[in-house]
N, C-alpha and C. Protein backbone atom coordinates (compact mmCIF):
# COMPACT_ATOMS: atom_id res chain seq x y z
N UNK A 1 2.72 23.54 9.57
CA UNK A 1 3.40 22.17 9.55
C UNK A 1 1.97 21.43 8.64
N UNK A 2 2.53 20.64 7.48
CA UNK A 2 1.61 19.93 6.78
C UNK A 2 1.38 18.71 7.06
N UNK A 3 0.25 18.20 6.89
CA UNK A 3 -0.05 16.77 7.48
C UNK A 3 0.66 15.69 6.60
N UNK A 4 1.16 14.67 7.27
CA UNK A 4 1.94 13.70 6.33
C UNK A 4 1.03 12.60 6.06
N UNK A 5 1.41 11.86 4.74
CA UNK A 5 0.52 11.04 4.38
C UNK A 5 0.77 9.60 5.21
N UNK A 6 0.13 8.73 4.94
CA UNK A 6 0.45 7.02 5.76
C UNK A 6 1.88 6.80 5.31
N UNK A 7 2.30 6.82 3.89
CA UNK A 7 3.31 6.36 3.67
C UNK A 7 4.74 7.40 4.05
N UNK A 8 4.34 8.57 4.35
CA UNK A 8 5.48 9.43 5.01
C UNK A 8 5.49 9.06 6.57
N UNK A 9 4.55 8.98 7.06
CA UNK A 9 4.25 8.43 8.34
C UNK A 9 5.22 7.15 8.67
N UNK A 10 4.86 6.00 7.70
CA UNK A 10 5.63 4.81 7.51
C UNK A 10 7.06 5.12 7.57
N UNK A 11 7.49 5.94 6.60
CA UNK A 11 8.98 6.22 6.59
C UNK A 11 9.23 6.84 7.94
N UNK A 12 8.65 7.77 8.43
CA UNK A 12 9.10 8.79 9.86
C UNK A 12 9.36 7.63 10.89
N UNK A 13 8.36 6.48 10.85
CA UNK A 13 8.61 5.56 12.16
C UNK A 13 9.74 4.53 11.76
N UNK A 14 9.79 4.45 10.82
CA UNK A 14 11.01 3.38 10.53
C UNK A 14 12.33 4.14 10.65
N UNK A 15 12.59 5.27 10.60
CA UNK A 15 13.77 6.24 10.67
C UNK A 15 14.15 6.40 12.03
N UNK A 16 12.60 6.81 12.77
CA UNK A 16 12.89 7.29 14.34
C UNK A 16 12.46 6.47 15.13
N UNK A 17 12.03 5.11 14.87
CA UNK A 17 11.42 4.09 15.87
C UNK A 17 11.86 2.73 15.10
N UNK A 18 13.30 2.49 15.19
CA UNK A 18 13.79 1.49 14.34
C UNK A 18 13.04 -0.22 14.43
N UNK A 19 12.50 -0.39 15.67
CA UNK A 19 11.62 -1.32 15.87
C UNK A 19 10.49 -1.41 15.16
N UNK A 20 9.96 -0.44 14.56
CA UNK A 20 8.98 -0.29 13.57
C UNK A 20 9.24 -0.85 12.42
N UNK A 21 10.32 -0.56 11.92
CA UNK A 21 11.15 -1.24 10.76
C UNK A 21 11.27 -2.51 10.81
N UNK A 22 11.70 -3.30 11.93
CA UNK A 22 11.87 -4.71 12.26
C UNK A 22 10.63 -5.38 12.19
N UNK A 23 9.75 -4.79 12.74
CA UNK A 23 8.03 -5.40 12.74
C UNK A 23 7.68 -5.34 11.61
N UNK A 24 8.05 -4.67 10.47
CA UNK A 24 7.47 -4.28 9.44
C UNK A 24 6.19 -3.57 9.05
N UNK A 25 6.24 -2.33 10.19
CA UNK A 25 4.78 -1.74 10.20
C UNK A 25 4.51 -1.05 9.08
N UNK A 26 3.43 -0.87 8.70
CA UNK A 26 2.88 0.01 7.56
C UNK A 26 1.81 0.85 8.19
N UNK A 27 1.87 2.22 8.19
CA UNK A 27 0.51 3.35 8.42
C UNK A 27 -0.49 3.01 7.23
N UNK A 28 -1.43 2.77 7.79
CA UNK A 28 -2.73 2.67 6.62
C UNK A 28 -3.59 3.93 6.75
N UNK A 29 -3.68 4.42 7.97
CA UNK A 29 -4.56 5.64 8.37
C UNK A 29 -3.78 6.52 9.33
N UNK A 30 -3.83 7.71 8.69
CA UNK A 30 -3.00 8.71 9.69
C UNK A 30 -3.70 10.08 10.03
N UNK A 31 -4.88 10.10 10.75
CA UNK A 31 -5.97 11.30 10.74
C UNK A 31 -5.82 11.77 12.13
N UNK A 32 -6.32 12.75 12.35
CA UNK A 32 -6.45 13.25 13.86
C UNK A 32 -7.20 12.64 14.82
N UNK A 33 -8.30 11.99 14.24
CA UNK A 33 -9.26 11.00 14.73
C UNK A 33 -9.04 9.68 15.02
N UNK A 34 -8.35 9.28 13.76
CA UNK A 34 -7.81 7.71 13.73
C UNK A 34 -6.45 7.41 13.22
N UNK A 35 -6.10 6.47 13.81
CA UNK A 35 -4.36 5.77 13.27
C UNK A 35 -4.75 4.20 12.95
N UNK A 36 -4.44 3.93 12.03
CA UNK A 36 -4.27 2.41 11.97
C UNK A 36 -3.21 1.79 11.34
N UNK A 37 -2.28 0.81 11.95
CA UNK A 37 -1.10 0.43 11.25
C UNK A 37 -1.38 -1.26 11.25
N UNK A 38 -0.69 -1.55 9.96
CA UNK A 38 -0.61 -2.91 9.86
C UNK A 38 0.55 -3.71 10.14
N UNK A 39 0.27 -4.97 10.35
CA UNK A 39 1.89 -5.73 10.70
C UNK A 39 1.76 -7.07 10.25
N UNK A 40 2.86 -7.60 9.37
CA UNK A 40 2.71 -9.13 8.84
C UNK A 40 2.86 -10.03 10.19
N UNK A 41 2.50 -11.06 10.08
CA UNK A 41 2.75 -12.16 11.10
C UNK A 41 4.23 -12.44 11.22
N UNK A 42 4.61 -12.64 9.76
CA UNK A 42 6.26 -13.24 9.92
C UNK A 42 7.07 -12.50 10.55
N UNK A 43 7.26 -11.15 10.51
CA UNK A 43 8.15 -10.44 11.26
C UNK A 43 7.86 -10.26 12.83
N UNK A 44 6.65 -11.09 13.20
CA UNK A 44 6.30 -10.66 14.54
C UNK A 44 5.88 -11.91 15.43
N UNK A 45 6.39 -13.18 14.81
CA UNK A 45 6.03 -14.61 15.05
C UNK A 45 6.77 -14.88 16.58
N UNK A 46 5.86 -16.03 17.30
CA UNK A 46 6.75 -16.05 18.67
C UNK A 46 6.82 -17.95 18.32
N UNK A 47 7.21 -18.48 19.34
CA UNK A 47 7.46 -19.97 19.02
C UNK A 47 6.56 -20.93 18.84
N UNK A 48 5.17 -20.51 18.59
CA UNK A 48 3.89 -21.18 18.54
C UNK A 48 3.26 -20.58 17.08
N UNK A 49 3.96 -20.02 16.54
CA UNK A 49 3.64 -19.50 15.31
C UNK A 49 2.28 -18.82 15.18
N UNK A 50 2.19 -17.87 16.17
CA UNK A 50 1.20 -16.72 16.22
C UNK A 50 2.10 -15.71 16.77
N UNK A 51 1.25 -14.30 16.65
CA UNK A 51 2.00 -13.11 17.07
C UNK A 51 2.54 -13.13 18.26
N UNK A 52 4.02 -12.70 18.52
CA UNK A 52 4.59 -12.51 19.82
C UNK A 52 3.88 -11.37 20.62
N UNK A 53 3.78 -11.60 21.98
CA UNK A 53 3.19 -10.70 22.72
C UNK A 53 3.63 -9.56 22.96
N UNK A 54 4.91 -9.34 22.57
CA UNK A 54 5.92 -7.98 22.60
C UNK A 54 5.51 -7.01 21.47
N UNK A 55 5.55 -7.97 20.47
CA UNK A 55 4.93 -7.31 19.14
C UNK A 55 3.44 -6.66 19.18
N UNK A 56 2.72 -7.45 19.94
CA UNK A 56 1.54 -6.99 19.94
C UNK A 56 1.08 -5.56 20.70
N UNK A 57 1.97 -5.51 22.05
CA UNK A 57 2.04 -4.64 23.00
C UNK A 57 2.63 -3.35 22.09
N UNK A 58 3.70 -3.63 21.24
CA UNK A 58 4.28 -2.70 20.99
C UNK A 58 3.48 -1.93 19.86
N UNK A 59 2.77 -2.58 19.03
CA UNK A 59 1.88 -2.19 18.09
C UNK A 59 0.71 -1.38 18.83
N UNK A 60 0.25 -1.81 20.14
CA UNK A 60 -0.76 -1.03 20.67
C UNK A 60 -0.33 0.20 21.03
N UNK A 61 1.00 0.37 21.69
CA UNK A 61 1.56 1.46 22.27
C UNK A 61 1.98 2.51 21.00
N UNK A 62 2.22 1.90 19.91
CA UNK A 62 2.77 2.83 18.66
C UNK A 62 1.67 3.48 17.96
N UNK A 63 0.56 2.58 17.87
CA UNK A 63 -0.46 3.36 17.35
C UNK A 63 -1.03 4.58 17.90
N UNK A 64 -1.20 4.39 19.46
CA UNK A 64 -1.89 5.58 20.11
C UNK A 64 -0.66 6.68 20.00
N UNK A 65 0.56 6.32 20.13
CA UNK A 65 1.63 7.32 20.13
C UNK A 65 1.71 8.08 18.87
N UNK A 66 1.50 7.46 17.83
CA UNK A 66 1.13 8.09 16.32
C UNK A 66 -0.24 9.11 16.15
N UNK A 67 -1.25 8.31 16.64
CA UNK A 67 -2.36 9.42 16.63
C UNK A 67 -2.06 10.71 17.65
N UNK A 68 -1.38 10.46 18.61
CA UNK A 68 -1.45 11.82 19.59
C UNK A 68 -0.30 12.80 18.79
N UNK A 69 0.62 12.14 17.90
CA UNK A 69 1.59 12.68 17.50
C UNK A 69 1.12 13.60 16.52
N UNK A 70 0.17 12.95 15.45
CA UNK A 70 -0.69 13.51 14.45
C UNK A 70 -1.73 14.64 14.82
N UNK A 71 -1.94 14.51 16.21
CA UNK A 71 -2.85 15.54 16.56
C UNK A 71 -2.19 16.80 17.04
N UNK A 72 -0.85 16.62 17.76
CA UNK A 72 -0.35 17.65 17.80
C UNK A 72 0.56 18.21 16.84
N UNK A 73 0.99 17.68 15.80
CA UNK A 73 1.38 18.18 14.83
C UNK A 73 0.39 19.07 13.79
N UNK A 74 -0.86 18.95 14.03
CA UNK A 74 -2.17 19.51 13.34
C UNK A 74 -1.85 20.97 14.24
N UNK A 75 -1.69 21.14 15.30
CA UNK A 75 -1.32 22.11 16.35
C UNK A 75 -0.05 22.57 15.96
N UNK A 76 0.82 22.31 15.22
CA UNK A 76 2.10 23.05 14.96
C UNK A 76 2.86 22.57 16.04
N UNK A 77 2.88 21.94 16.67
CA UNK A 77 3.42 21.15 17.97
C UNK A 77 4.37 20.22 17.90
N UNK A 78 5.18 19.94 18.10
CA UNK A 78 6.50 18.52 18.05
C UNK A 78 7.04 18.31 19.67
N UNK A 79 6.13 17.91 20.51
CA UNK A 79 6.64 17.74 21.85
C UNK A 79 7.18 16.42 21.68
N UNK A 80 7.96 16.17 22.96
CA UNK A 80 8.39 14.79 23.17
C UNK A 80 7.21 14.13 23.68
N UNK A 81 6.97 12.91 23.33
CA UNK A 81 5.92 12.12 23.34
C UNK A 81 6.48 10.73 24.07
N UNK A 82 6.02 10.52 25.39
CA UNK A 82 6.55 9.46 26.09
C UNK A 82 5.28 8.68 26.63
N UNK A 83 5.67 7.41 26.78
CA UNK A 83 4.54 6.23 27.54
C UNK A 83 4.57 6.61 29.03
N UNK A 84 3.56 6.78 29.83
CA UNK A 84 3.68 6.78 30.99
C UNK A 84 3.15 5.48 31.84
N UNK A 85 2.03 4.94 31.20
CA UNK A 85 1.51 3.66 31.56
C UNK A 85 1.33 3.06 30.47
N UNK A 86 1.01 1.81 30.54
CA UNK A 86 0.76 0.87 29.36
C UNK A 86 0.12 -0.64 30.02
N UNK A 87 -1.12 -0.86 29.21
CA UNK A 87 -1.37 -2.23 29.66
C UNK A 87 -2.17 -2.52 28.47
N UNK A 88 -1.65 -4.12 28.15
CA UNK A 88 -2.54 -4.68 27.30
C UNK A 88 -3.12 -6.03 27.14
N UNK A 89 -4.49 -6.22 27.16
CA UNK A 89 -5.18 -7.30 27.41
C UNK A 89 -5.06 -8.24 26.16
N UNK A 90 -4.52 -9.24 26.48
CA UNK A 90 -4.57 -10.21 25.18
C UNK A 90 -5.95 -11.36 25.26
N UNK A 91 -6.57 -11.06 24.22
CA UNK A 91 -8.16 -11.79 24.11
C UNK A 91 -7.86 -12.98 23.44
N UNK A 92 -7.31 -13.18 22.39
CA UNK A 92 -6.98 -14.58 21.37
C UNK A 92 -5.66 -14.40 21.01
N UNK A 93 -5.16 -15.63 20.38
CA UNK A 93 -4.01 -15.45 19.52
C UNK A 93 -4.24 -15.13 18.36
N UNK A 94 -2.97 -14.79 17.88
CA UNK A 94 -3.36 -13.77 16.56
C UNK A 94 -2.35 -14.71 15.74
N UNK A 95 -3.22 -15.42 14.43
CA UNK A 95 -2.38 -16.38 13.47
C UNK A 95 -2.36 -15.84 12.22
N UNK A 96 -2.34 -14.50 12.21
CA UNK A 96 -2.29 -14.02 10.62
C UNK A 96 -1.58 -12.36 10.66
N UNK A 97 -1.68 -11.95 9.43
CA UNK A 97 -1.48 -10.48 9.77
C UNK A 97 -2.42 -9.89 10.52
N UNK A 98 -2.00 -8.82 11.14
CA UNK A 98 -3.18 -7.69 12.16
C UNK A 98 -2.61 -6.41 12.38
N UNK A 99 -3.85 -5.78 12.51
CA UNK A 99 -3.89 -4.42 12.58
C UNK A 99 -3.99 -3.65 13.89
N UNK A 100 -3.49 -2.41 14.23
CA UNK A 100 -3.55 -1.74 15.61
C UNK A 100 -4.23 -0.54 15.16
N UNK A 101 -5.29 -0.11 15.73
CA UNK A 101 -6.12 1.27 15.63
C UNK A 101 -6.54 1.94 16.80
N UNK A 102 -6.15 3.09 16.59
CA UNK A 102 -6.50 3.76 17.59
C UNK A 102 -7.74 5.04 17.14
N UNK A 103 -8.56 5.27 18.16
CA UNK A 103 -9.65 6.59 17.50
C UNK A 103 -9.79 7.21 18.77
N UNK A 104 -9.99 8.28 18.56
CA UNK A 104 -10.38 9.46 19.62
C UNK A 104 -10.96 10.59 19.07
N UNK A 105 -12.12 10.88 19.80
CA UNK A 105 -13.02 11.98 19.71
C UNK A 105 -13.67 12.49 20.87
N UNK A 106 -12.93 12.38 22.05
CA UNK A 106 -13.22 12.89 23.10
C UNK A 106 -12.76 14.00 23.46
N UNK A 107 -13.74 15.09 22.89
CA UNK A 107 -13.41 16.36 22.78
C UNK A 107 -13.05 17.32 24.33
N UNK A 108 -13.70 16.76 25.11
CA UNK A 108 -13.73 17.15 26.73
C UNK A 108 -12.16 16.88 27.06
N UNK A 109 -11.73 15.32 26.85
CA UNK A 109 -10.46 15.28 27.33
C UNK A 109 -9.47 15.78 26.68
N UNK A 110 -9.74 16.12 25.24
CA UNK A 110 -8.49 16.67 24.40
C UNK A 110 -8.40 18.31 25.08
N UNK A 111 -9.55 18.94 25.59
CA UNK A 111 -9.73 20.28 26.07
C UNK A 111 -9.04 20.37 27.10
N UNK A 112 -8.89 19.31 28.14
CA UNK A 112 -8.54 19.51 29.44
C UNK A 112 -6.87 19.04 29.24
N UNK A 113 -6.51 18.27 27.97
CA UNK A 113 -5.32 17.96 28.02
C UNK A 113 -4.57 19.30 27.74
N UNK A 114 -5.13 20.06 26.50
CA UNK A 114 -4.57 21.09 25.89
C UNK A 114 -4.41 22.52 27.21
N UNK A 115 -5.52 22.62 27.93
CA UNK A 115 -5.40 23.38 29.01
C UNK A 115 -4.37 23.36 29.80
N UNK A 116 -4.01 22.11 30.11
CA UNK A 116 -2.88 21.90 30.85
C UNK A 116 -1.66 22.13 30.27
N UNK A 117 -1.17 21.33 28.95
CA UNK A 117 -0.30 21.44 28.35
C UNK A 117 0.17 22.75 28.13
N UNK A 118 -0.53 23.95 27.79
CA UNK A 118 -0.28 25.27 27.24
C UNK A 118 0.05 25.96 28.79
N UNK A 119 -0.54 25.47 29.72
CA UNK A 119 -0.15 26.29 30.93
C UNK A 119 1.03 25.94 31.52
N UNK A 120 1.09 24.37 31.42
CA UNK A 120 2.61 23.80 32.33
C UNK A 120 3.78 23.31 31.15
N UNK A 121 3.19 23.25 29.81
CA UNK A 121 4.51 23.04 28.95
C UNK A 121 4.40 21.22 29.02
N UNK A 122 3.40 20.80 29.49
CA UNK A 122 3.28 18.96 29.63
C UNK A 122 1.62 18.84 30.11
N UNK A 123 1.41 17.64 29.55
CA UNK A 123 0.31 17.18 29.68
C UNK A 123 -0.08 15.57 29.38
N UNK A 124 -1.01 15.12 30.08
CA UNK A 124 -1.36 13.63 29.85
C UNK A 124 -2.47 13.40 29.06
N UNK A 125 -2.47 12.35 28.47
CA UNK A 125 -3.83 11.95 27.80
C UNK A 125 -3.71 10.22 27.58
N UNK A 126 -4.97 9.73 27.87
CA UNK A 126 -5.33 8.46 28.02
C UNK A 126 -5.68 8.10 26.67
N UNK A 127 -5.40 7.06 26.04
CA UNK A 127 -5.47 6.44 24.73
C UNK A 127 -5.81 4.97 24.75
N UNK A 128 -6.67 4.42 24.03
CA UNK A 128 -6.97 2.87 23.72
C UNK A 128 -6.84 2.59 22.45
N UNK A 129 -6.33 1.37 21.98
CA UNK A 129 -6.04 0.81 20.80
C UNK A 129 -6.40 -0.47 20.76
N UNK A 130 -7.13 -1.06 19.90
CA UNK A 130 -7.90 -2.33 19.48
C UNK A 130 -6.77 -3.13 18.59
N UNK A 131 -6.39 -4.45 18.51
CA UNK A 131 -5.83 -5.19 17.75
C UNK A 131 -6.51 -6.05 17.30
N UNK A 132 -6.44 -5.97 15.83
CA UNK A 132 -7.50 -7.13 15.15
C UNK A 132 -6.83 -7.79 14.22
N UNK A 133 -7.51 -9.21 14.00
CA UNK A 133 -7.02 -9.97 12.95
C UNK A 133 -7.82 -10.70 12.46
N UNK A 134 -8.10 -10.92 11.02
CA UNK A 134 -9.04 -12.03 10.50
C UNK A 134 -10.49 -11.39 10.94
N UNK A 135 -10.80 -9.97 11.12
CA UNK A 135 -11.95 -9.63 11.49
C UNK A 135 -12.25 -9.75 13.05
N UNK A 136 -11.49 -10.04 13.62
CA UNK A 136 -11.68 -10.29 15.07
C UNK A 136 -10.90 -9.55 16.12
N UNK A 137 -11.27 -8.89 17.03
CA UNK A 137 -10.50 -8.22 18.13
C UNK A 137 -10.00 -9.24 18.85
N UNK A 138 -8.54 -9.11 18.85
CA UNK A 138 -7.43 -9.95 19.61
C UNK A 138 -6.92 -9.52 20.87
N UNK A 139 -6.81 -8.31 20.83
CA UNK A 139 -6.02 -7.48 22.13
C UNK A 139 -6.31 -6.16 22.14
N UNK A 140 -6.42 -5.53 23.36
CA UNK A 140 -6.61 -4.27 23.80
C UNK A 140 -5.64 -3.49 24.36
N UNK A 141 -5.24 -2.33 23.89
CA UNK A 141 -4.01 -1.47 24.83
C UNK A 141 -4.77 -0.33 25.40
N UNK A 142 -4.44 0.01 26.65
CA UNK A 142 -4.70 1.43 27.13
C UNK A 142 -3.42 1.80 27.63
N UNK A 143 -3.19 3.04 27.26
CA UNK A 143 -1.96 3.75 27.89
C UNK A 143 -2.32 5.14 28.21
N UNK A 144 -1.45 5.67 29.19
CA UNK A 144 -1.22 7.17 29.43
C UNK A 144 -0.08 7.52 28.51
N UNK A 145 -0.15 8.80 28.06
CA UNK A 145 0.74 9.35 27.23
C UNK A 145 1.13 10.57 27.63
N UNK A 146 2.60 11.16 27.53
CA UNK A 146 2.51 12.66 28.19
C UNK A 146 3.30 13.13 27.24
N UNK A 147 2.71 14.58 27.04
CA UNK A 147 3.52 15.40 26.08
C UNK A 147 4.26 16.38 26.61
N UNK A 148 5.78 16.51 26.50
CA UNK A 148 6.66 17.44 27.19
C UNK A 148 7.07 18.43 25.91
N UNK A 149 6.48 19.76 26.24
CA UNK A 149 7.07 20.72 25.10
C UNK A 149 8.45 21.02 24.95
N UNK A 150 9.01 21.08 23.75
CA UNK A 150 10.59 21.27 23.91
C UNK A 150 10.93 22.70 23.51
N UNK A 151 11.07 23.34 24.51
CA UNK A 151 11.39 24.66 25.12
C UNK A 151 12.84 24.72 24.81
């Protein structure tokens, strides 16, 4: 399975996860160790002219889901990926466009996930994302994601 470009991932998200299109999400980076998405403020506003909390949480979840998907496709796997637990900490209001990024380099956690996934056809992985605007960290998302093999 060949790697998808950021533009191809953007199209994939817009087609398969319609809220990503409504939020005008653009994938900037789509690598096995880092995924980054960008969101304009205009499609994600709340009544205070700052980013809506639901958009912030969704972006945090989605960028983690994207990174997990990229890592699985690198292994020629396309399991169902679902969110098991999700928590977003809001640090400061977002008053401009913003990014959500997920980096993962925990080889031990990945090896443990793969061991269980290969044995049971399902496995869980904890991922964290950061949401930033104007060079400042504004929110942190922590989630647990489950991969379910499509047999």
